[in-house]
């Protein structure tokens, strides 16, 4: 069973130079923290996900419930799993919908630019607050994988291992300008200041449906929804649920963070063993990236190994086809946790 918690920081200076007076980090935990605090695994979520990815719930294609739990690859009978909600995201952490204490109004379009390094720095502060100075591993998919790699270069001696799944050392190819233009074209968006004025639900539902279809939801849902019409309806249902909780501004805030992410020239800072995982059918981070990424990692002196998920589930393969890489993940954790 997971538990929700909140961590508060004051006067947090971002890489852009802006100081946020108050920052809340929402986080979820599973398992029991050892007396010596030596059994922590940090799980980092994707672009449109949140801490509920560690719940035992198979309904959402982003969910890692098949990997996390008693006796599973990330065994909560042994490990204490922490999943923080990223700064700027929509599941309890400080974001554009939060009240600016200076104006007592939502930040909206005035929310500052953040970086993946800012997100990771907040996670490091959370661990310090909990008295945790070394962890077993940092593990995450997609944008969560970017956070894993940022952990590796910013805090190289804090973890025993890293698992970066369905990701790459740079996301600089993301077209944030196009996303901003798309959002600004929605009349209800009011250039980011839509709180109390506009309703972005219709846009978010359509955005989520398009994203799920592009990144493999149809194949991922096929085992439990064999009929095409039923899959289409299920994707629409899941999109509507997501749209009720996700903030349109978070798409842009986290999108900008992703577009600015590039640690290729810092790979030599990574000291922990690393498991790099891609999906055969993923369009966003195709498996063809593996040779160049692995060469760069080996050239940087990283103890890196690669696993390809032989899946038709595209970008969702790490969750919906979890069984196809659960054992390599379990073996890697056993190898580093000695």
C-alpha atoms as a PDB file:
ATOM      1  CA  UNK A   1       0.000   0.000   0.000  1.00  0.00           C
ATOM      2  CA  UNK A   2       1.357   3.414  -0.955  1.00  0.00           C
ATOM      3  CA  UNK A   3       1.349   6.513   1.243  1.00  0.00           C
ATOM      4  CA  UNK A   4       1.217  10.198   0.239  1.00  0.00           C
ATOM      5  CA  UNK A   5       3.528  12.776   1.817  1.00  0.00           C
ATOM      6  CA  UNK A   6       4.539  16.400   1.289  1.00  0.00           C
ATOM      7  CA  UNK A   7       7.904  18.112   1.742  1.00  0.00           C
ATOM      8  CA  UNK A   8       8.209  21.905   1.961  1.00  0.00           C
ATOM      9  CA  UNK A   9      11.229  24.029   1.082  1.00  0.00           C
ATOM     10  CA  UNK A  10      11.690  27.793   1.343  1.00  0.00           C
ATOM     11  CA  UNK A  11      13.610  30.169  -0.930  1.00  0.00           C
ATOM     12  CA  UNK A  12      14.585  27.653  -3.587  1.00  0.00           C
ATOM     13  CA  UNK A  13      16.944  29.149  -6.167  1.00  0.00           C
ATOM     14  CA  UNK A  14      16.464  27.730  -9.659  1.00  0.00           C
ATOM     15  CA  UNK A  15      19.153  27.410 -12.330  1.00  0.00           C
ATOM     16  CA  UNK A  16      17.510  30.320 -14.181  1.00  0.00           C
ATOM     17  CA  UNK A  17      18.208  32.568 -11.159  1.00  0.00           C
ATOM     18  CA  UNK A  18      14.599  32.895  -9.949  1.00  0.00           C
ATOM     19  CA  UNK A  19      13.940  32.164  -6.268  1.00  0.00           C
ATOM     20  CA  UNK A  20      10.680  30.405  -5.433  1.00  0.00           C
ATOM     21  CA  UNK A  21       9.595  31.441  -1.900  1.00  0.00           C
ATOM     22  CA  UNK A  22       7.826  28.152  -1.190  1.00  0.00           C
ATOM     23  CA  UNK A  23       8.175  24.797  -2.931  1.00  0.00           C
ATOM     24  CA  UNK A  24       6.080  21.745  -2.109  1.00  0.00           C
ATOM     25  CA  UNK A  25       7.179  18.317  -3.291  1.00  0.00           C
ATOM     26  CA  UNK A  26       4.462  15.688  -3.151  1.00  0.00           C
ATOM     27  CA  UNK A  27       5.753  12.144  -2.963  1.00  0.00           C
ATOM     28  CA  UNK A  28       4.466   8.628  -2.536  1.00  0.00           C
ATOM     29  CA  UNK A  29       6.146   5.710  -0.773  1.00  0.00           C
ATOM     30  CA  UNK A  30       5.825   1.938  -0.644  1.00  0.00           C
ATOM     31  CA  UNK A  31       7.528  -0.532   1.659  1.00  0.00           C
ATOM     32  CA  UNK A  32       9.260   0.120   4.960  1.00  0.00           C
ATOM     33  CA  UNK A  33      12.351   2.255   5.503  1.00  0.00           C
ATOM     34  CA  UNK A  34      15.142   0.275   7.147  1.00  0.00           C
ATOM     35  CA  UNK A  35      16.445   1.493  10.503  1.00  0.00           C
ATOM     36  CA  UNK A  36      19.777   2.378   8.884  1.00  0.00           C
ATOM     37  CA  UNK A  37      17.988   3.914   5.853  1.00  0.00           C
ATOM     38  CA  UNK A  38      19.979   1.704   3.492  1.00  0.00           C
ATOM     39  CA  UNK A  39      17.131   0.197   1.432  1.00  0.00           C
ATOM     40  CA  UNK A  40      15.857   3.176  -0.601  1.00  0.00           C
ATOM     41  CA  UNK A  41      15.043   3.052  -4.306  1.00  0.00           C
ATOM     42  CA  UNK A  42      14.003   6.327  -5.920  1.00  0.00           C
ATOM     43  CA  UNK A  43      11.558   5.961  -8.832  1.00  0.00           C
ATOM     44  CA  UNK A  44      11.115   8.959 -11.133  1.00  0.00           C
ATOM     45  CA  UNK A  45       7.972   9.438 -13.238  1.00  0.00           C
ATOM     46  CA  UNK A  46       7.436  10.412 -16.870  1.00  0.00           C
ATOM     47  CA  UNK A  47       6.299  13.623 -18.556  1.00  0.00           C
ATOM     48  CA  UNK A  48       2.555  13.272 -17.987  1.00  0.00           C
ATOM     49  CA  UNK A  49       2.702  10.801 -15.099  1.00  0.00           C
ATOM     50  CA  UNK A  50       2.951  11.130 -11.356  1.00  0.00           C
ATOM     51  CA  UNK A  51       3.745   9.288  -8.138  1.00  0.00           C
ATOM     52  CA  UNK A  52       0.781   6.943  -8.601  1.00  0.00           C
ATOM     53  CA  UNK A  53       2.965   5.076 -11.120  1.00  0.00           C
ATOM     54  CA  UNK A  54       4.241   2.992  -8.183  1.00  0.00           C
ATOM     55  CA  UNK A  55       0.740   1.911  -7.141  1.00  0.00           C
ATOM     56  CA  UNK A  56      -0.478  -1.625  -7.652  1.00  0.00           C
ATOM     57  CA  UNK A  57      -2.831  -0.619 -10.459  1.00  0.00           C
ATOM     58  CA  UNK A  58      -2.859  -2.004 -14.005  1.00  0.00           C
ATOM     59  CA  UNK A  59      -5.505   0.388 -15.391  1.00  0.00           C
ATOM     60  CA  UNK A  60      -3.120   3.116 -16.530  1.00  0.00           C
ATOM     61  CA  UNK A  61      -0.553   2.380 -19.263  1.00  0.00           C
ATOM     62  CA  UNK A  62       2.003   4.534 -17.385  1.00  0.00           C
ATOM     63  CA  UNK A  63       1.721   2.372 -14.266  1.00  0.00           C
ATOM     64  CA  UNK A  64       4.654   0.296 -12.969  1.00  0.00           C
ATOM     65  CA  UNK A  65       2.580  -1.849 -10.610  1.00  0.00           C
ATOM     66  CA  UNK A  66       3.789  -4.977 -12.432  1.00  0.00           C
ATOM     67  CA  UNK A  67       7.378  -4.090 -11.462  1.00  0.00           C
ATOM     68  CA  UNK A  68       6.916  -2.674  -7.964  1.00  0.00           C
ATOM     69  CA  UNK A  69       5.454  -4.585  -5.040  1.00  0.00           C
ATOM     70  CA  UNK A  70       5.987  -7.557  -2.748  1.00  0.00           C
ATOM     71  CA  UNK A  71       8.175 -10.136  -4.472  1.00  0.00           C
ATOM     72  CA  UNK A  72       8.354  -8.148  -7.722  1.00  0.00           C
ATOM     73  CA  UNK A  73      11.454  -6.865  -9.513  1.00  0.00           C
ATOM     74  CA  UNK A  74      11.485  -3.811  -7.235  1.00  0.00           C
ATOM     75  CA  UNK A  75      10.572  -5.775  -4.136  1.00  0.00           C
ATOM     76  CA  UNK A  76       8.755  -3.685  -1.526  1.00  0.00           C
ATOM     77  CA  UNK A  77       9.239  -6.461   1.038  1.00  0.00           C
ATOM     78  CA  UNK A  78      12.911  -5.498   0.889  1.00  0.00           C
ATOM     79  CA  UNK A  79      13.063  -1.963  -0.488  1.00  0.00           C
ATOM     80  CA  UNK A  80      11.556   1.373   0.496  1.00  0.00           C
ATOM     81  CA  UNK A  81      10.381   2.983  -2.737  1.00  0.00           C
ATOM     82  CA  UNK A  82      10.029   6.762  -2.994  1.00  0.00           C
ATOM     83  CA  UNK A  83       8.417   8.414  -6.029  1.00  0.00           C
ATOM     84  CA  UNK A  84       8.455  12.239  -5.925  1.00  0.00           C
ATOM     85  CA  UNK A  85       6.202  14.363  -8.076  1.00  0.00           C
ATOM     86  CA  UNK A  86       8.389  16.630 -10.207  1.00  0.00           C
ATOM     87  CA  UNK A  87       8.478  20.355  -9.624  1.00  0.00           C
ATOM     88  CA  UNK A  88       6.113  21.911 -12.186  1.00  0.00           C
ATOM     89  CA  UNK A  89       3.986  18.779 -12.501  1.00  0.00           C
ATOM     90  CA  UNK A  90       0.339  18.379 -11.611  1.00  0.00           C
ATOM     91  CA  UNK A  91       0.093  15.888  -8.772  1.00  0.00           C
ATOM     92  CA  UNK A  92       0.640  17.928  -5.640  1.00  0.00           C
ATOM     93  CA  UNK A  93       3.989  19.636  -6.224  1.00  0.00           C
ATOM     94  CA  UNK A  94       4.398  23.371  -6.793  1.00  0.00           C
ATOM     95  CA  UNK A  95       3.362  24.248 -10.350  1.00  0.00           C
ATOM     96  CA  UNK A  96       1.701  26.977 -12.397  1.00  0.00           C
ATOM     97  CA  UNK A  97      -1.645  26.457 -10.636  1.00  0.00           C
ATOM     98  CA  UNK A  98      -0.035  27.051  -7.220  1.00  0.00           C
ATOM     99  CA  UNK A  99      -0.533  30.387  -5.501  1.00  0.00           C
ATOM    100  CA  UNK A 100       2.333  32.830  -5.784  1.00  0.00           C
ATOM    101  CA  UNK A 101       2.725  34.092  -2.187  1.00  0.00           C
ATOM    102  CA  UNK A 102       3.721  37.518  -3.504  1.00  0.00           C
ATOM    103  CA  UNK A 103       0.482  38.086  -5.454  1.00  0.00           C
ATOM    104  CA  UNK A 104      -1.785  35.456  -3.825  1.00  0.00           C
ATOM    105  CA  UNK A 105      -2.811  34.427  -7.352  1.00  0.00           C
ATOM    106  CA  UNK A 106      -1.846  31.354  -9.398  1.00  0.00           C
ATOM    107  CA  UNK A 107       1.559  31.686 -11.051  1.00  0.00           C
ATOM    108  CA  UNK A 108       0.076  30.872 -14.462  1.00  0.00           C
ATOM    109  CA  UNK A 109       2.247  32.266 -17.263  1.00  0.00           C
ATOM    110  CA  UNK A 110       4.655  33.728 -14.679  1.00  0.00           C
ATOM    111  CA  UNK A 111       5.842  30.343 -13.467  1.00  0.00           C
ATOM    112  CA  UNK A 112       9.619  30.365 -14.036  1.00  0.00           C
ATOM    113  CA  UNK A 113      11.537  28.107 -16.381  1.00  0.00           C
ATOM    114  CA  UNK A 114      12.843  25.022 -14.610  1.00  0.00           C
ATOM    115  CA  UNK A 115      15.422  22.428 -15.588  1.00  0.00           C
ATOM    116  CA  UNK A 116      15.780  18.713 -14.996  1.00  0.00           C
ATOM    117  CA  UNK A 117      18.645  19.678 -12.677  1.00  0.00           C
ATOM    118  CA  UNK A 118      16.203  21.771 -10.592  1.00  0.00           C
ATOM    119  CA  UNK A 119      13.838  18.806 -10.324  1.00  0.00           C
ATOM    120  CA  UNK A 120      16.638  16.487  -9.244  1.00  0.00           C
ATOM    121  CA  UNK A 121      18.000  19.033  -6.753  1.00  0.00           C
ATOM    122  CA  UNK A 122      14.561  19.085  -5.112  1.00  0.00           C
ATOM    123  CA  UNK A 123      14.553  15.294  -4.913  1.00  0.00           C
ATOM    124  CA  UNK A 124      18.015  15.364  -3.329  1.00  0.00           C
ATOM    125  CA  UNK A 125      16.745  17.868  -0.749  1.00  0.00           C
ATOM    126  CA  UNK A 126      13.824  15.542  -0.003  1.00  0.00           C
ATOM    127  CA  UNK A 127      16.178  12.625   0.651  1.00  0.00           C
ATOM    128  CA  UNK A 128      18.349  14.794   2.896  1.00  0.00           C
ATOM    129  CA  UNK A 129      15.226  15.825   4.805  1.00  0.00           C
ATOM    130  CA  UNK A 130      14.463  12.132   5.345  1.00  0.00           C
ATOM    131  CA  UNK A 131      18.002  11.483   6.581  1.00  0.00           C
ATOM    132  CA  UNK A 132      18.900   9.406   3.508  1.00  0.00           C
ATOM    133  CA  UNK A 133      22.476   9.909   2.327  1.00  0.00           C
ATOM    134  CA  UNK A 134      22.900   6.920  -0.007  1.00  0.00           C
ATOM    135  CA  UNK A 135      20.367   4.941  -2.022  1.00  0.00           C
ATOM    136  CA  UNK A 136      20.302   1.622  -3.817  1.00  0.00           C
ATOM    137  CA  UNK A 137      19.183   2.981  -7.193  1.00  0.00           C
ATOM    138  CA  UNK A 138      17.440   5.693  -9.161  1.00  0.00           C
ATOM    139  CA  UNK A 139      15.061   4.139 -11.700  1.00  0.00           C
ATOM    140  CA  UNK A 140      12.656   5.723 -14.182  1.00  0.00           C
ATOM    141  CA  UNK A 141      11.219   5.773 -17.716  1.00  0.00           C
ATOM    142  CA  UNK A 142      11.115   8.489 -20.383  1.00  0.00           C
ATOM    143  CA  UNK A 143      11.301  11.930 -18.710  1.00  0.00           C
ATOM    144  CA  UNK A 144      11.894   9.948 -15.540  1.00  0.00           C
ATOM    145  CA  UNK A 145      14.869   8.400 -17.309  1.00  0.00           C
ATOM    146  CA  UNK A 146      16.233  11.883 -17.966  1.00  0.00           C
ATOM    147  CA  UNK A 147      16.025  12.488 -14.226  1.00  0.00           C
ATOM    148  CA  UNK A 148      17.903   9.223 -13.631  1.00  0.00           C
ATOM    149  CA  UNK A 149      20.747  10.371 -15.878  1.00  0.00           C
ATOM    150  CA  UNK A 150      20.753  13.833 -14.262  1.00  0.00           C
ATOM    151  CA  UNK A 151      21.090  12.122 -10.873  1.00  0.00           C
ATOM    152  CA  UNK A 152      24.060  10.221 -12.250  1.00  0.00           C
ATOM    153  CA  UNK A 153      25.967  13.354 -13.271  1.00  0.00           C
ATOM    154  CA  UNK A 154      24.925  15.648 -10.401  1.00  0.00           C
ATOM    155  CA  UNK A 155      25.238  13.191  -7.494  1.00  0.00           C
ATOM    156  CA  UNK A 156      27.500  10.432  -8.808  1.00  0.00           C
ATOM    157  CA  UNK A 157      28.398   8.884  -5.454  1.00  0.00           C
ATOM    158  CA  UNK A 158      24.949   8.874  -3.880  1.00  0.00           C
ATOM    159  CA  UNK A 159      23.529   5.726  -5.520  1.00  0.00           C
ATOM    160  CA  UNK A 160      24.722   2.170  -6.124  1.00  0.00           C
ATOM    161  CA  UNK A 161      23.095   1.968  -9.566  1.00  0.00           C
ATOM    162  CA  UNK A 162      21.006   3.685 -12.231  1.00  0.00           C
ATOM    163  CA  UNK A 163      18.246   2.340 -14.480  1.00  0.00           C
ATOM    164  CA  UNK A 164      17.357   4.674 -17.357  1.00  0.00           C
ATOM    165  CA  UNK A 165      14.476   3.255 -19.406  1.00  0.00           C
ATOM    166  CA  UNK A 166      12.907   4.439 -22.684  1.00  0.00           C
ATOM    167  CA  UNK A 167      15.013   7.605 -22.690  1.00  0.00           C
ATOM    168  CA  UNK A 168      18.218   9.211 -23.981  1.00  0.00           C
ATOM    169  CA  UNK A 169      21.025  11.489 -22.737  1.00  0.00           C
ATOM    170  CA  UNK A 170      19.435  14.430 -24.562  1.00  0.00           C
ATOM    171  CA  UNK A 171      15.886  15.527 -25.360  1.00  0.00           C
ATOM    172  CA  UNK A 172      16.904  18.740 -27.101  1.00  0.00           C
ATOM    173  CA  UNK A 173      14.952  17.820 -30.239  1.00  0.00           C
ATOM    174  CA  UNK A 174      11.605  18.556 -28.596  1.00  0.00           C
ATOM    175  CA  UNK A 175       9.816  21.432 -30.373  1.00  0.00           C
ATOM    176  CA  UNK A 176       8.629  23.513 -27.427  1.00  0.00           C
ATOM    177  CA  UNK A 177       7.873  26.518 -29.620  1.00  0.00           C
ATOM    178  CA  UNK A 178       5.316  24.431 -31.522  1.00  0.00           C
ATOM    179  CA  UNK A 179       3.740  23.268 -28.256  1.00  0.00           C
ATOM    180  CA  UNK A 180       3.524  26.853 -26.986  1.00  0.00           C
ATOM    181  CA  UNK A 181       1.914  27.975 -30.255  1.00  0.00           C
ATOM    182  CA  UNK A 182      -0.543  25.072 -30.070  1.00  0.00           C
ATOM    183  CA  UNK A 183      -1.545  26.018 -26.527  1.00  0.00           C
ATOM    184  CA  UNK A 184      -1.826  29.722 -27.331  1.00  0.00           C
ATOM    185  CA  UNK A 185      -4.172  28.872 -30.218  1.00  0.00           C
ATOM    186  CA  UNK A 186      -6.693  27.486 -27.716  1.00  0.00           C
ATOM    187  CA  UNK A 187      -9.012  30.402 -26.775  1.00  0.00           C
ATOM    188  CA  UNK A 188      -9.557  29.089 -23.239  1.00  0.00           C
ATOM    189  CA  UNK A 189      -5.816  29.021 -22.501  1.00  0.00           C
ATOM    190  CA  UNK A 190      -5.412  32.795 -22.163  1.00  0.00           C
ATOM    191  CA  UNK A 191      -1.653  32.391 -22.727  1.00  0.00           C
ATOM    192  CA  UNK A 192      -1.314  30.385 -19.535  1.00  0.00           C
ATOM    193  CA  UNK A 193      -3.498  32.518 -17.280  1.00  0.00           C
ATOM    194  CA  UNK A 194      -6.670  30.517 -17.668  1.00  0.00           C
ATOM    195  CA  UNK A 195      -7.370  29.702 -14.006  1.00  0.00           C
ATOM    196  CA  UNK A 196     -10.919  30.739 -13.224  1.00  0.00           C
ATOM    197  CA  UNK A 197     -11.367  31.909 -16.825  1.00  0.00           C
ATOM    198  CA  UNK A 198     -11.064  29.017 -19.275  1.00  0.00           C
ATOM    199  CA  UNK A 199     -11.577  25.275 -19.455  1.00  0.00           C
ATOM    200  CA  UNK A 200      -8.735  23.278 -21.031  1.00  0.00           C
ATOM    201  CA  UNK A 201     -10.356  19.862 -20.568  1.00  0.00           C
ATOM    202  CA  UNK A 202     -11.352  19.361 -24.207  1.00  0.00           C
ATOM    203  CA  UNK A 203      -7.853  20.209 -25.416  1.00  0.00           C
ATOM    204  CA  UNK A 204      -6.218  17.949 -22.830  1.00  0.00           C
ATOM    205  CA  UNK A 205      -8.423  14.981 -23.707  1.00  0.00           C
ATOM    206  CA  UNK A 206      -7.601  15.324 -27.397  1.00  0.00           C
ATOM    207  CA  UNK A 207      -3.897  15.798 -26.610  1.00  0.00           C
ATOM    208  CA  UNK A 208      -3.816  12.698 -24.434  1.00  0.00           C
ATOM    209  CA  UNK A 209      -5.666  10.553 -26.966  1.00  0.00           C
ATOM    210  CA  UNK A 210      -3.262  11.584 -29.719  1.00  0.00           C
ATOM    211  CA  UNK A 211      -0.243  10.926 -27.509  1.00  0.00           C
ATOM    212  CA  UNK A 212      -1.464   7.531 -26.354  1.00  0.00           C
ATOM    213  CA  UNK A 213      -2.179   6.444 -29.906  1.00  0.00           C
ATOM    214  CA  UNK A 214       1.196   7.680 -31.154  1.00  0.00           C
ATOM    215  CA  UNK A 215       3.189   5.972 -28.438  1.00  0.00           C
ATOM    216  CA  UNK A 216       1.622   2.520 -28.550  1.00  0.00           C
ATOM    217  CA  UNK A 217      -1.493   2.453 -26.378  1.00  0.00           C
ATOM    218  CA  UNK A 218      -3.483   0.526 -28.978  1.00  0.00           C
ATOM    219  CA  UNK A 219      -1.061  -2.411 -28.872  1.00  0.00           C
ATOM    220  CA  UNK A 220      -0.642  -2.124 -25.101  1.00  0.00           C
ATOM    221  CA  UNK A 221      -4.400  -2.339 -24.506  1.00  0.00           C
ATOM    222  CA  UNK A 222      -5.025  -5.140 -27.014  1.00  0.00           C
ATOM    223  CA  UNK A 223      -4.656  -8.035 -24.504  1.00  0.00           C
ATOM    224  CA  UNK A 224      -7.505  -6.747 -22.310  1.00  0.00           C
ATOM    225  CA  UNK A 225      -9.451  -4.932 -25.050  1.00  0.00           C
ATOM    226  CA  UNK A 226      -9.303  -7.178 -28.150  1.00  0.00           C
ATOM    227  CA  UNK A 227     -11.950  -5.282 -30.129  1.00  0.00           C
ATOM    228  CA  UNK A 228     -10.688  -2.098 -31.865  1.00  0.00           C
ATOM    229  CA  UNK A 229     -13.817  -0.152 -30.861  1.00  0.00           C
ATOM    230  CA  UNK A 230     -13.345  -1.135 -27.244  1.00  0.00           C
ATOM    231  CA  UNK A 231      -9.694  -0.022 -27.345  1.00  0.00           C
ATOM    232  CA  UNK A 232     -10.690   3.324 -28.813  1.00  0.00           C
ATOM    233  CA  UNK A 233     -13.280   3.805 -26.062  1.00  0.00           C
ATOM    234  CA  UNK A 234     -10.786   2.774 -23.388  1.00  0.00           C
ATOM    235  CA  UNK A 235      -8.190   5.241 -24.627  1.00  0.00           C
ATOM    236  CA  UNK A 236     -10.832   7.997 -24.550  1.00  0.00           C
ATOM    237  CA  UNK A 237     -11.851   6.979 -21.012  1.00  0.00           C
ATOM    238  CA  UNK A 238      -8.270   7.019 -19.722  1.00  0.00           C
ATOM    239  CA  UNK A 239      -7.633  10.342 -21.467  1.00  0.00           C
ATOM    240  CA  UNK A 240     -10.670  11.908 -19.796  1.00  0.00           C
ATOM    241  CA  UNK A 241      -9.499  10.736 -16.353  1.00  0.00           C
ATOM    242  CA  UNK A 242      -6.024  12.158 -16.967  1.00  0.00           C
ATOM    243  CA  UNK A 243      -7.420  15.483 -18.233  1.00  0.00           C
ATOM    244  CA  UNK A 244      -9.312  16.003 -14.974  1.00  0.00           C
ATOM    245  CA  UNK A 245      -6.065  16.099 -12.985  1.00  0.00           C
ATOM    246  CA  UNK A 246      -3.348  17.361 -15.334  1.00  0.00           C
ATOM    247  CA  UNK A 247      -2.651  21.072 -15.791  1.00  0.00           C
ATOM    248  CA  UNK A 248      -2.120  22.317 -19.338  1.00  0.00           C
ATOM    249  CA  UNK A 249       0.685  24.580 -18.124  1.00  0.00           C
ATOM    250  CA  UNK A 250       2.585  21.548 -16.848  1.00  0.00           C
ATOM    251  CA  UNK A 251       2.848  20.325 -20.431  1.00  0.00           C
ATOM    252  CA  UNK A 252       4.793  23.469 -21.259  1.00  0.00           C
ATOM    253  CA  UNK A 253       6.800  23.712 -18.027  1.00  0.00           C
ATOM    254  CA  UNK A 254       8.027  20.132 -18.198  1.00  0.00           C
ATOM    255  CA  UNK A 255       8.326  20.322 -21.985  1.00  0.00           C
ATOM    256  CA  UNK A 256      10.782  23.195 -21.631  1.00  0.00           C
ATOM    257  CA  UNK A 257      12.719  21.245 -19.019  1.00  0.00           C
ATOM    258  CA  UNK A 258      12.939  18.289 -21.400  1.00  0.00           C
ATOM    259  CA  UNK A 259      13.996  20.464 -24.331  1.00  0.00           C
ATOM    260  CA  UNK A 260      16.842  21.850 -22.232  1.00  0.00           C
ATOM    261  CA  UNK A 261      18.025  18.445 -21.071  1.00  0.00           C
ATOM    262  CA  UNK A 262      21.400  17.375 -22.472  1.00  0.00           C
ATOM    263  CA  UNK A 263      24.051  15.639 -20.379  1.00  0.00           C
ATOM    264  CA  UNK A 264      26.063  14.168 -23.260  1.00  0.00           C
ATOM    265  CA  UNK A 265      29.141  16.232 -22.390  1.00  0.00           C
ATOM    266  CA  UNK A 266      28.924  15.190 -18.707  1.00  0.00           C
ATOM    267  CA  UNK A 267      28.673  11.420 -19.051  1.00  0.00           C
ATOM    268  CA  UNK A 268      32.147  10.971 -17.566  1.00  0.00           C
ATOM    269  CA  UNK A 269      30.764  12.181 -14.229  1.00  0.00           C
ATOM    270  CA  UNK A 270      28.634   9.035 -13.870  1.00  0.00           C
ATOM    271  CA  UNK A 271      30.227   6.560 -11.469  1.00  0.00           C
ATOM    272  CA  UNK A 272      27.418   4.095 -10.754  1.00  0.00           C
ATOM    273  CA  UNK A 273      26.696   0.990 -12.864  1.00  0.00           C
ATOM    274  CA  UNK A 274      23.888   1.721 -15.316  1.00  0.00           C
ATOM    275  CA  UNK A 275      21.206  -0.362 -17.003  1.00  0.00           C
ATOM    276  CA  UNK A 276      19.963   1.265 -20.206  1.00  0.00           C
ATOM    277  CA  UNK A 277      16.624  -0.033 -21.520  1.00  0.00           C
ATOM    278  CA  UNK A 278      14.815   0.701 -24.780  1.00  0.00           C
ATOM    279  CA  UNK A 279      11.743  -0.716 -26.519  1.00  0.00           C
ATOM    280  CA  UNK A 280      11.979  -2.272 -29.972  1.00  0.00           C
ATOM    281  CA  UNK A 281       8.827  -0.453 -31.152  1.00  0.00           C
ATOM    282  CA  UNK A 282       9.192   2.939 -29.460  1.00  0.00           C
ATOM    283  CA  UNK A 283       8.966   5.901 -31.851  1.00  0.00           C
ATOM    284  CA  UNK A 284      10.135   8.523 -29.372  1.00  0.00           C
ATOM    285  CA  UNK A 285      13.377   6.831 -28.275  1.00  0.00           C
ATOM    286  CA  UNK A 286      13.886   4.097 -30.878  1.00  0.00           C
ATOM    287  CA  UNK A 287      16.069   1.102 -30.159  1.00  0.00           C
ATOM    288  CA  UNK A 288      18.373   2.277 -32.951  1.00  0.00           C
ATOM    289  CA  UNK A 289      19.742   4.801 -30.429  1.00  0.00           C
ATOM    290  CA  UNK A 290      21.382   2.014 -28.462  1.00  0.00           C
ATOM    291  CA  UNK A 291      24.693   1.587 -30.355  1.00  0.00           C
ATOM    292  CA  UNK A 292      25.635   5.280 -30.240  1.00  0.00           C
ATOM    293  CA  UNK A 293      24.434   5.809 -26.660  1.00  0.00           C
ATOM    294  CA  UNK A 294      26.195   2.704 -25.376  1.00  0.00           C
ATOM    295  CA  UNK A 295      29.408   3.659 -27.172  1.00  0.00           C
ATOM    296  CA  UNK A 296      29.290   7.118 -25.618  1.00  0.00           C
ATOM    297  CA  UNK A 297      28.713   5.588 -22.185  1.00  0.00           C
ATOM    298  CA  UNK A 298      31.525   3.066 -22.536  1.00  0.00           C
ATOM    299  CA  UNK A 299      33.858   5.757 -23.891  1.00  0.00           C
ATOM    300  CA  UNK A 300      33.013   7.783 -20.770  1.00  0.00           C
ATOM    301  CA  UNK A 301      34.051   4.847 -18.583  1.00  0.00           C
ATOM    302  CA  UNK A 302      30.537   3.951 -17.424  1.00  0.00           C
ATOM    303  CA  UNK A 303      29.827   0.363 -16.382  1.00  0.00           C
ATOM    304  CA  UNK A 304      26.777   0.291 -18.663  1.00  0.00           C
ATOM    305  CA  UNK A 305      24.764  -2.588 -20.029  1.00  0.00           C
ATOM    306  CA  UNK A 306      21.813  -2.569 -22.430  1.00  0.00           C
ATOM    307  CA  UNK A 307      18.523  -4.445 -22.608  1.00  0.00           C
ATOM    308  CA  UNK A 308      15.977  -4.189 -25.412  1.00  0.00           C
ATOM    309  CA  UNK A 309      12.345  -4.926 -24.582  1.00  0.00           C
ATOM    310  CA  UNK A 310      11.028  -7.032 -27.453  1.00  0.00           C
ATOM    311  CA  UNK A 311       7.621  -5.409 -27.392  1.00  0.00           C
ATOM    312  CA  UNK A 312       4.982  -4.026 -29.741  1.00  0.00           C
ATOM    313  CA  UNK A 313       3.827  -1.619 -27.011  1.00  0.00           C
ATOM    314  CA  UNK A 314       5.991   1.296 -28.105  1.00  0.00           C
ATOM    315  CA  UNK A 315       6.727   3.959 -25.492  1.00  0.00           C
ATOM    316  CA  UNK A 316       4.568   2.138 -22.927  1.00  0.00           C
ATOM    317  CA  UNK A 317       6.596  -1.087 -23.084  1.00  0.00           C
ATOM    318  CA  UNK A 318       8.392  -0.559 -19.756  1.00  0.00           C
ATOM    319  CA  UNK A 319       5.033  -0.677 -17.968  1.00  0.00           C
ATOM    320  CA  UNK A 320       2.542  -2.645 -20.046  1.00  0.00           C
ATOM    321  CA  UNK A 321       5.111  -5.266 -21.112  1.00  0.00           C
ATOM    322  CA  UNK A 322       6.888  -5.245 -17.755  1.00  0.00           C
ATOM    323  CA  UNK A 323       7.219  -9.034 -17.667  1.00  0.00           C
ATOM    324  CA  UNK A 324       9.636  -8.861 -20.614  1.00  0.00           C
ATOM    325  CA  UNK A 325      12.256  -6.960 -18.636  1.00  0.00           C
ATOM    326  CA  UNK A 326      11.381  -7.642 -15.007  1.00  0.00           C
ATOM    327  CA  UNK A 327      14.051 -10.325 -14.585  1.00  0.00           C
ATOM    328  CA  UNK A 328      16.922  -8.259 -16.056  1.00  0.00           C
ATOM    329  CA  UNK A 329      15.818  -5.431 -13.748  1.00  0.00           C
ATOM    330  CA  UNK A 330      15.671  -7.754 -10.729  1.00  0.00           C
ATOM    331  CA  UNK A 331      19.110  -9.186 -11.595  1.00  0.00           C
ATOM    332  CA  UNK A 332      20.639  -5.719 -11.955  1.00  0.00           C
ATOM    333  CA  UNK A 333      19.304  -4.593  -8.572  1.00  0.00           C
ATOM    334  CA  UNK A 334      20.646  -7.786  -6.961  1.00  0.00           C
ATOM    335  CA  UNK A 335      24.035  -7.202  -8.592  1.00  0.00           C
ATOM    336  CA  UNK A 336      24.463  -3.635  -7.345  1.00  0.00           C
ATOM    337  CA  UNK A 337      22.955  -4.132  -3.885  1.00  0.00           C
ATOM    338  CA  UNK A 338      25.810  -5.975  -2.258  1.00  0.00           C
END
